[in-house]
Amino acid sequence: MDISQPLHDAERALNERVANIPRIREAMGLAIRDALLQHSRAGNPIAVWRDQQVVWIQPEDIPAELARVSAAEATQAPGAARD
């Protein structure tokens, strides 16, 4: 793409949407939360990466896992890497 030419409306809208990182993170977080709760309701375990290994979380423990992750994210500095 030639940067000297103006962007088309569709490209500008896409660039603006991609530039809104906080909104993207929020949408992804809500989608992940919904998927985890669906697994819990269906009785399916989930796999998570913790302490350099895969750990299986049983369906009845998923709500507690969501609370643990939410608490950790609330105290994590913006832009910090996750394990």
PDB file of N, CA and C in Angstrom:
ATOM      1  N   MET A   1       0.842  -1.168   0.000  1.00  0.00           N
ATOM      2  CA  MET A   1       0.000   0.000   0.000  1.00  0.00           C
ATOM      3  C   MET A   1       0.889   1.234   0.000  1.00  0.00           C
ATOM      4  N   ASP A   2       0.562   2.188  -0.823  1.00  0.00           N
ATOM      5  CA  ASP A   2       1.306   3.442  -0.923  1.00  0.00           C
ATOM      6  C   ASP A   2       0.831   4.390   0.179  1.00  0.00           C
ATOM      7  N   ILE A   3       1.732   4.732   1.110  1.00  0.00           N
ATOM      8  CA  ILE A   3       1.324   5.560   2.241  1.00  0.00           C
ATOM      9  C   ILE A   3       1.091   7.011   1.869  1.00  0.00           C
ATOM     10  N   SER A   4       1.489   7.419   0.656  1.00  0.00           N
ATOM     11  CA  SER A   4       1.274   8.804   0.248  1.00  0.00           C
ATOM     12  C   SER A   4      -0.159   9.037  -0.207  1.00  0.00           C
ATOM     13  N   GLN A   5      -0.908   7.966  -0.492  1.00  0.00           N
ATOM     14  CA  GLN A   5      -2.295   8.109  -0.913  1.00  0.00           C
ATOM     15  C   GLN A   5      -3.215   7.968   0.296  1.00  0.00           C
ATOM     16  N   PRO A   6      -4.334   8.717   0.302  1.00  0.00           N
ATOM     17  CA  PRO A   6      -5.265   8.610   1.433  1.00  0.00           C
ATOM     18  C   PRO A   6      -5.913   7.228   1.486  1.00  0.00           C
ATOM     19  N   LEU A   7      -6.289   6.825   2.670  1.00  0.00           N
ATOM     20  CA  LEU A   7      -6.947   5.544   2.846  1.00  0.00           C
ATOM     21  C   LEU A   7      -8.397   5.616   2.380  1.00  0.00           C
ATOM     22  N   HIS A   8      -8.889   4.515   1.861  1.00  0.00           N
ATOM     23  CA  HIS A   8     -10.301   4.429   1.525  1.00  0.00           C
ATOM     24  C   HIS A   8     -11.091   4.343   2.825  1.00  0.00           C
ATOM     25  N   ASP A   9     -12.373   4.646   2.788  1.00  0.00           N
ATOM     26  CA  ASP A   9     -13.197   4.625   3.995  1.00  0.00           C
ATOM     27  C   ASP A   9     -13.158   3.269   4.694  1.00  0.00           C
ATOM     28  N   ALA A  10     -13.243   2.181   3.932  1.00  0.00           N
ATOM     29  CA  ALA A  10     -13.241   0.851   4.541  1.00  0.00           C
ATOM     30  C   ALA A  10     -11.909   0.576   5.235  1.00  0.00           C
ATOM     31  N   GLU A  11     -10.806   0.964   4.629  1.00  0.00           N
ATOM     32  CA  GLU A  11      -9.490   0.765   5.235  1.00  0.00           C
ATOM     33  C   GLU A  11      -9.331   1.630   6.481  1.00  0.00           C
ATOM     34  N   ARG A  12      -9.812   2.855   6.420  1.00  0.00           N
ATOM     35  CA  ARG A  12      -9.711   3.758   7.568  1.00  0.00           C
ATOM     36  C   ARG A  12     -10.507   3.174   8.733  1.00  0.00           C
ATOM     37  N   ALA A  13     -11.697   2.690   8.475  1.00  0.00           N
ATOM     38  CA  ALA A  13     -12.515   2.115   9.537  1.00  0.00           C
ATOM     39  C   ALA A  13     -11.810   0.907  10.155  1.00  0.00           C
ATOM     40  N   LEU A  14     -11.206   0.071   9.334  1.00  0.00           N
ATOM     41  CA  LEU A  14     -10.483  -1.092   9.843  1.00  0.00           C
ATOM     42  C   LEU A  14      -9.305  -0.636  10.701  1.00  0.00           C
ATOM     43  N   ASN A  15      -8.541   0.333  10.229  1.00  0.00           N
ATOM     44  CA  ASN A  15      -7.397   0.840  10.997  1.00  0.00           C
ATOM     45  C   ASN A  15      -7.849   1.425  12.334  1.00  0.00           C
ATOM     46  N   GLU A  16      -8.973   2.133  12.333  1.00  0.00           N
ATOM     47  CA  GLU A  16      -9.478   2.708  13.579  1.00  0.00           C
ATOM     48  C   GLU A  16      -9.925   1.611  14.543  1.00  0.00           C
ATOM     49  N   ARG A  17     -10.564   0.577  13.999  1.00  0.00           N
ATOM     50  CA  ARG A  17     -11.013  -0.519  14.870  1.00  0.00           C
ATOM     51  C   ARG A  17      -9.827  -1.258  15.467  1.00  0.00           C
ATOM     52  N   VAL A  18      -8.803  -1.507  14.679  1.00  0.00           N
ATOM     53  CA  VAL A  18      -7.633  -2.235  15.158  1.00  0.00           C
ATOM     54  C   VAL A  18      -6.845  -1.391  16.156  1.00  0.00           C
ATOM     55  N   ALA A  19      -6.920  -0.090  16.040  1.00  0.00           N
ATOM     56  CA  ALA A  19      -6.168   0.796  16.922  1.00  0.00           C
ATOM     57  C   ALA A  19      -6.782   0.879  18.325  1.00  0.00           C
ATOM     58  N   ASN A  20      -8.012   0.402  18.499  1.00  0.00           N
ATOM     59  CA  ASN A  20      -8.678   0.497  19.797  1.00  0.00           C
ATOM     60  C   ASN A  20      -8.373  -0.758  20.626  1.00  0.00           C
ATOM     61  N   ILE A  21      -7.143  -0.857  21.091  1.00  0.00           N
ATOM     62  CA  ILE A  21      -6.669  -2.041  21.818  1.00  0.00           C
ATOM     63  C   ILE A  21      -7.486  -2.321  23.080  1.00  0.00           C
ATOM     64  N   PRO A  22      -7.810  -1.330  23.913  1.00  0.00           N
ATOM     65  CA  PRO A  22      -8.599  -1.645  25.114  1.00  0.00           C
ATOM     66  C   PRO A  22      -9.952  -2.283  24.776  1.00  0.00           C
ATOM     67  N   ARG A  23     -10.599  -1.807  23.743  1.00  0.00           N
ATOM     68  CA  ARG A  23     -11.896  -2.379  23.355  1.00  0.00           C
ATOM     69  C   ARG A  23     -11.725  -3.811  22.833  1.00  0.00           C
ATOM     70  N   ILE A  24     -10.668  -4.058  22.087  1.00  0.00           N
ATOM     71  CA  ILE A  24     -10.386  -5.401  21.584  1.00  0.00           C
ATOM     72  C   ILE A  24     -10.123  -6.346  22.747  1.00  0.00           C
ATOM     73  N   ARG A  25      -9.312  -5.913  23.711  1.00  0.00           N
ATOM     74  CA  ARG A  25      -9.006  -6.755  24.881  1.00  0.00           C
ATOM     75  C   ARG A  25     -10.272  -7.070  25.677  1.00  0.00           C
ATOM     76  N   GLU A  26     -11.132  -6.078  25.840  1.00  0.00           N
ATOM     77  CA  GLU A  26     -12.378  -6.294  26.569  1.00  0.00           C
ATOM     78  C   GLU A  26     -13.261  -7.313  25.849  1.00  0.00           C
ATOM     79  N   ALA A  27     -13.395  -7.172  24.532  1.00  0.00           N
ATOM     80  CA  ALA A  27     -14.218  -8.106  23.755  1.00  0.00           C
ATOM     81  C   ALA A  27     -13.653  -9.520  23.823  1.00  0.00           C
ATOM     82  N   MET A  28     -12.340  -9.642  23.736  1.00  0.00           N
ATOM     83  CA  MET A  28     -11.715 -10.965  23.822  1.00  0.00           C
ATOM     84  C   MET A  28     -11.929 -11.569  25.206  1.00  0.00           C
ATOM     85  N   GLY A  29     -11.793 -10.762  26.242  1.00  0.00           N
ATOM     86  CA  GLY A  29     -12.004 -11.245  27.603  1.00  0.00           C
ATOM     87  C   GLY A  29     -13.415 -11.753  27.816  1.00  0.00           C
ATOM     88  N   LEU A  30     -14.401 -11.018  27.295  1.00  0.00           N
ATOM     89  CA  LEU A  30     -15.788 -11.453  27.415  1.00  0.00           C
ATOM     90  C   LEU A  30     -16.040 -12.740  26.641  1.00  0.00           C
ATOM     91  N   ALA A  31     -15.443 -12.861  25.467  1.00  0.00           N
ATOM     92  CA  ALA A  31     -15.611 -14.081  24.664  1.00  0.00           C
ATOM     93  C   ALA A  31     -14.982 -15.284  25.359  1.00  0.00           C
ATOM     94  N   ILE A  32     -13.817 -15.087  25.940  1.00  0.00           N
ATOM     95  CA  ILE A  32     -13.144 -16.175  26.664  1.00  0.00           C
ATOM     96  C   ILE A  32     -13.973 -16.585  27.876  1.00  0.00           C
ATOM     97  N   ARG A  33     -14.463 -15.603  28.629  1.00  0.00           N
ATOM     98  CA  ARG A  33     -15.285 -15.893  29.805  1.00  0.00           C
ATOM     99  C   ARG A  33     -16.523 -16.694  29.398  1.00  0.00           C
ATOM    100  N   ASP A  34     -17.181 -16.286  28.318  1.00  0.00           N
ATOM    101  CA  ASP A  34     -18.375 -16.987  27.843  1.00  0.00           C
ATOM    102  C   ASP A  34     -18.036 -18.428  27.455  1.00  0.00           C
ATOM    103  N   ALA A  35     -16.936 -18.615  26.747  1.00  0.00           N
ATOM    104  CA  ALA A  35     -16.535 -19.967  26.331  1.00  0.00           C
ATOM    105  C   ALA A  35     -16.237 -20.850  27.541  1.00  0.00           C
ATOM    106  N   LEU A  36     -15.580 -20.292  28.546  1.00  0.00           N
ATOM    107  CA  LEU A  36     -15.271 -21.069  29.750  1.00  0.00           C
ATOM    108  C   LEU A  36     -16.538 -21.461  30.498  1.00  0.00           C
ATOM    109  N   LEU A  37     -17.478 -20.537  30.601  1.00  0.00           N
ATOM    110  CA  LEU A  37     -18.729 -20.853  31.276  1.00  0.00           C
ATOM    111  C   LEU A  37     -19.529 -21.896  30.494  1.00  0.00           C
ATOM    112  N   GLN A  38     -19.467 -21.848  29.165  1.00  0.00           N
ATOM    113  CA  GLN A  38     -20.132 -22.869  28.347  1.00  0.00           C
ATOM    114  C   GLN A  38     -19.512 -24.239  28.616  1.00  0.00           C
ATOM    115  N   HIS A  39     -18.195 -24.298  28.719  1.00  0.00           N
ATOM    116  CA  HIS A  39     -17.528 -25.563  29.044  1.00  0.00           C
ATOM    117  C   HIS A  39     -17.992 -26.064  30.411  1.00  0.00           C
ATOM    118  N   SER A  40     -18.075 -25.170  31.371  1.00  0.00           N
ATOM    119  CA  SER A  40     -18.492 -25.546  32.713  1.00  0.00           C
ATOM    120  C   SER A  40     -19.908 -26.117  32.705  1.00  0.00           C
ATOM    121  N   ARG A  41     -20.836 -25.416  32.045  1.00  0.00           N
ATOM    122  CA  ARG A  41     -22.226 -25.874  31.986  1.00  0.00           C
ATOM    123  C   ARG A  41     -22.360 -27.204  31.254  1.00  0.00           C
ATOM    124  N   ALA A  42     -21.523 -27.420  30.240  1.00  0.00           N
ATOM    125  CA  ALA A  42     -21.583 -28.660  29.457  1.00  0.00           C
ATOM    126  C   ALA A  42     -20.865 -29.818  30.142  1.00  0.00           C
ATOM    127  N   GLY A  43     -20.136 -29.514  31.210  1.00  0.00           N
ATOM    128  CA  GLY A  43     -19.412 -30.564  31.921  1.00  0.00           C
ATOM    129  C   GLY A  43     -18.089 -30.933  31.278  1.00  0.00           C
ATOM    130  N   ASN A  44     -17.515 -30.003  30.508  1.00  0.00           N
ATOM    131  CA  ASN A  44     -16.242 -30.261  29.824  1.00  0.00           C
ATOM    132  C   ASN A  44     -15.091 -29.573  30.542  1.00  0.00           C
ATOM    133  N   PRO A  45     -13.985 -30.286  30.771  1.00  0.00           N
ATOM    134  CA  PRO A  45     -12.815 -29.636  31.384  1.00  0.00           C
ATOM    135  C   PRO A  45     -12.129 -28.712  30.373  1.00  0.00           C
ATOM    136  N   ILE A  46     -11.262 -27.850  30.885  1.00  0.00           N
ATOM    137  CA  ILE A  46     -10.462 -26.970  30.033  1.00  0.00           C
ATOM    138  C   ILE A  46      -8.990 -27.187  30.357  1.00  0.00           C
ATOM    139  N   ALA A  47      -8.140 -26.890  29.404  1.00  0.00           N
ATOM    140  CA  ALA A  47      -6.692 -26.957  29.629  1.00  0.00           C
ATOM    141  C   ALA A  47      -6.159 -25.536  29.714  1.00  0.00           C
ATOM    142  N   VAL A  48      -5.302 -25.285  30.713  1.00  0.00           N
ATOM    143  CA  VAL A  48      -4.663 -23.978  30.865  1.00  0.00           C
ATOM    144  C   VAL A  48      -3.158 -24.189  30.972  1.00  0.00           C
ATOM    145  N   TRP A  49      -2.415 -23.140  30.704  1.00  0.00           N
ATOM    146  CA  TRP A  49      -0.955 -23.171  30.825  1.00  0.00           C
ATOM    147  C   TRP A  49      -0.596 -22.502  32.138  1.00  0.00           C
ATOM    148  N   ARG A  50       0.002 -23.255  33.056  1.00  0.00           N
ATOM    149  CA  ARG A  50       0.354 -22.717  34.363  1.00  0.00           C
ATOM    150  C   ARG A  50       1.688 -23.307  34.797  1.00  0.00           C
ATOM    151  N   ASP A  51       2.584 -22.454  35.236  1.00  0.00           N
ATOM    152  CA  ASP A  51       3.889 -22.888  35.727  1.00  0.00           C
ATOM    153  C   ASP A  51       4.615 -23.767  34.712  1.00  0.00           C
ATOM    154  N   GLN A  52       4.605 -23.320  33.471  1.00  0.00           N
ATOM    155  CA  GLN A  52       5.340 -23.986  32.387  1.00  0.00           C
ATOM    156  C   GLN A  52       4.824 -25.380  32.058  1.00  0.00           C
ATOM    157  N   GLN A  53       3.534 -25.633  32.331  1.00  0.00           N
ATOM    158  CA  GLN A  53       2.963 -26.928  31.962  1.00  0.00           C
ATOM    159  C   GLN A  53       1.457 -26.796  31.752  1.00  0.00           C
ATOM    160  N   VAL A  54       0.901 -27.784  31.064  1.00  0.00           N
ATOM    161  CA  VAL A  54      -0.536 -27.835  30.838  1.00  0.00           C
ATOM    162  C   VAL A  54      -1.199 -28.414  32.081  1.00  0.00           C
ATOM    163  N   VAL A  55      -2.255 -27.734  32.530  1.00  0.00           N
ATOM    164  CA  VAL A  55      -3.017 -28.182  33.697  1.00  0.00           C
ATOM    165  C   VAL A  55      -4.484 -28.269  33.275  1.00  0.00           C
ATOM    166  N   TRP A  56      -5.135 -29.383  33.600  1.00  0.00           N
ATOM    167  CA  TRP A  56      -6.554 -29.558  33.304  1.00  0.00           C
ATOM    168  C   TRP A  56      -7.379 -29.028  34.469  1.00  0.00           C
ATOM    169  N   ILE A  57      -8.372 -28.198  34.141  1.00  0.00           N
ATOM    170  CA  ILE A  57      -9.303 -27.654  35.130  1.00  0.00           C
ATOM    171  C   ILE A  57     -10.638 -28.362  34.916  1.00  0.00           C
ATOM    172  N   GLN A  58     -11.141 -28.984  35.963  1.00  0.00           N
ATOM    173  CA  GLN A  58     -12.403 -29.703  35.878  1.00  0.00           C
ATOM    174  C   GLN A  58     -13.566 -28.711  35.793  1.00  0.00           C
ATOM    175  N   PRO A  59     -14.674 -29.118  35.164  1.00  0.00           N
ATOM    176  CA  PRO A  59     -15.796 -28.193  34.944  1.00  0.00           C
ATOM    177  C   PRO A  59     -16.285 -27.492  36.215  1.00  0.00           C
ATOM    178  N   GLU A  60     -16.343 -28.229  37.324  1.00  0.00           N
ATOM    179  CA  GLU A  60     -16.834 -27.625  38.567  1.00  0.00           C
ATOM    180  C   GLU A  60     -15.858 -26.587  39.134  1.00  0.00           C
ATOM    181  N   ASP A  61     -14.612 -26.597  38.672  1.00  0.00           N
ATOM    182  CA  ASP A  61     -13.605 -25.650  39.139  1.00  0.00           C
ATOM    183  C   ASP A  61     -13.429 -24.446  38.211  1.00  0.00           C
ATOM    184  N   ILE A  62     -14.116 -24.430  37.085  1.00  0.00           N
ATOM    185  CA  ILE A  62     -13.946 -23.336  36.115  1.00  0.00           C
ATOM    186  C   ILE A  62     -14.369 -21.989  36.706  1.00  0.00           C
ATOM    187  N   PRO A  63     -15.506 -21.862  37.411  1.00  0.00           N
ATOM    188  CA  PRO A  63     -15.839 -20.543  37.986  1.00  0.00           C
ATOM    189  C   PRO A  63     -14.750 -20.022  38.932  1.00  0.00           C
ATOM    190  N   ALA A  64     -14.149 -20.893  39.717  1.00  0.00           N
ATOM    191  CA  ALA A  64     -13.060 -20.474  40.604  1.00  0.00           C
ATOM    192  C   ALA A  64     -11.840 -20.039  39.790  1.00  0.00           C
ATOM    193  N   GLU A  65     -11.581 -20.724  38.689  1.00  0.00           N
ATOM    194  CA  GLU A  65     -10.464 -20.363  37.805  1.00  0.00           C
ATOM    195  C   GLU A  65     -10.709 -18.984  37.202  1.00  0.00           C
ATOM    196  N   LEU A  66     -11.947 -18.708  36.803  1.00  0.00           N
ATOM    197  CA  LEU A  66     -12.279 -17.386  36.259  1.00  0.00           C
ATOM    198  C   LEU A  66     -12.034 -16.302  37.301  1.00  0.00           C
ATOM    199  N   ALA A  67     -12.416 -16.550  38.540  1.00  0.00           N
ATOM    200  CA  ALA A  67     -12.198 -15.575  39.610  1.00  0.00           C
ATOM    201  C   ALA A  67     -10.709 -15.366  39.846  1.00  0.00           C
ATOM    202  N   ARG A  68      -9.927 -16.449  39.807  1.00  0.00           N
ATOM    203  CA  ARG A  68      -8.479 -16.355  40.023  1.00  0.00           C
ATOM    204  C   ARG A  68      -7.831 -15.521  38.924  1.00  0.00           C
ATOM    205  N   VAL A  69      -8.217 -15.780  37.678  1.00  0.00           N
ATOM    206  CA  VAL A  69      -7.638 -15.055  36.539  1.00  0.00           C
ATOM    207  C   VAL A  69      -8.057 -13.590  36.576  1.00  0.00           C
ATOM    208  N   SER A  70      -9.324 -13.322  36.902  1.00  0.00           N
ATOM    209  CA  SER A  70      -9.805 -11.937  36.976  1.00  0.00           C
ATOM    210  C   SER A  70      -9.060 -11.157  38.041  1.00  0.00           C
ATOM    211  N   ALA A  71      -8.836 -11.775  39.188  1.00  0.00           N
ATOM    212  CA  ALA A  71      -8.104 -11.110  40.264  1.00  0.00           C
ATOM    213  C   ALA A  71      -6.662 -10.835  39.852  1.00  0.00           C
ATOM    214  N   ALA A  72      -6.046 -11.789  39.166  1.00  0.00           N
ATOM    215  CA  ALA A  72      -4.662 -11.607  38.722  1.00  0.00           C
ATOM    216  C   ALA A  72      -4.568 -10.493  37.686  1.00  0.00           C
ATOM    217  N   GLU A  73      -5.534 -10.430  36.760  1.00  0.00           N
ATOM    218  CA  GLU A  73      -5.517  -9.384  35.737  1.00  0.00           C
ATOM    219  C   GLU A  73      -5.741  -8.010  36.342  1.00  0.00           C
ATOM    220  N   ALA A  74      -6.554  -7.931  37.394  1.00  0.00           N
ATOM    221  CA  ALA A  74      -6.837  -6.646  38.029  1.00  0.00           C
ATOM    222  C   ALA A  74      -5.600  -6.056  38.681  1.00  0.00           C
ATOM    223  N   THR A  75      -4.681  -6.918  39.131  1.00  0.00           N
ATOM    224  CA  THR A  75      -3.467  -6.427  39.792  1.00  0.00           C
ATOM    225  C   THR A  75      -2.275  -6.347  38.853  1.00  0.00           C
ATOM    226  N   GLN A  76      -2.437  -6.829  37.621  1.00  0.00           N
ATOM    227  CA  GLN A  76      -1.327  -6.842  36.660  1.00  0.00           C
ATOM    228  C   GLN A  76      -1.192  -5.472  35.992  1.00  0.00           C
ATOM    229  N   ALA A  77       0.040  -5.033  35.815  1.00  0.00           N
ATOM    230  CA  ALA A  77       0.299  -3.753  35.152  1.00  0.00           C
ATOM    231  C   ALA A  77      -0.125  -3.831  33.695  1.00  0.00           C
ATOM    232  N   PRO A  78      -0.681  -2.742  33.143  1.00  0.00           N
ATOM    233  CA  PRO A  78      -1.051  -2.738  31.729  1.00  0.00           C
ATOM    234  C   PRO A  78       0.155  -3.059  30.843  1.00  0.00           C
ATOM    235  N   GLY A  79      -0.058  -3.954  29.888  1.00  0.00           N
ATOM    236  CA  GLY A  79       0.998  -4.311  28.947  1.00  0.00           C
ATOM    237  C   GLY A  79       1.965  -5.360  29.465  1.00  0.00           C
ATOM    238  N   ALA A  80       1.775  -5.811  30.707  1.00  0.00           N
ATOM    239  CA  ALA A  80       2.686  -6.823  31.257  1.00  0.00           C
ATOM    240  C   ALA A  80       2.429  -8.166  30.595  1.00  0.00           C
ATOM    241  N   ALA A  81       3.473  -8.944  30.462  1.00  0.00           N
ATOM    242  CA  ALA A  81       3.360 -10.270  29.836  1.00  0.00           C
ATOM    243  C   ALA A  81       2.679 -11.232  30.792  1.00  0.00           C
ATOM    244  N   ARG A  82       1.919 -12.168  30.206  1.00  0.00           N
ATOM    245  CA  ARG A  82       1.243 -13.192  30.998  1.00  0.00           C
ATOM    246  C   ARG A  82       2.000 -14.496  30.877  1.00  0.00           C
ATOM    247  N   ASP A  83       1.893 -15.316  31.932  1.00  0.00           N
ATOM    248  CA  ASP A  83       2.496 -16.654  31.900  1.00  0.00           C
ATOM    249  C   ASP A  83       1.446 -17.680  31.585  1.00  0.00           C
TER     250      ASP A  83
END
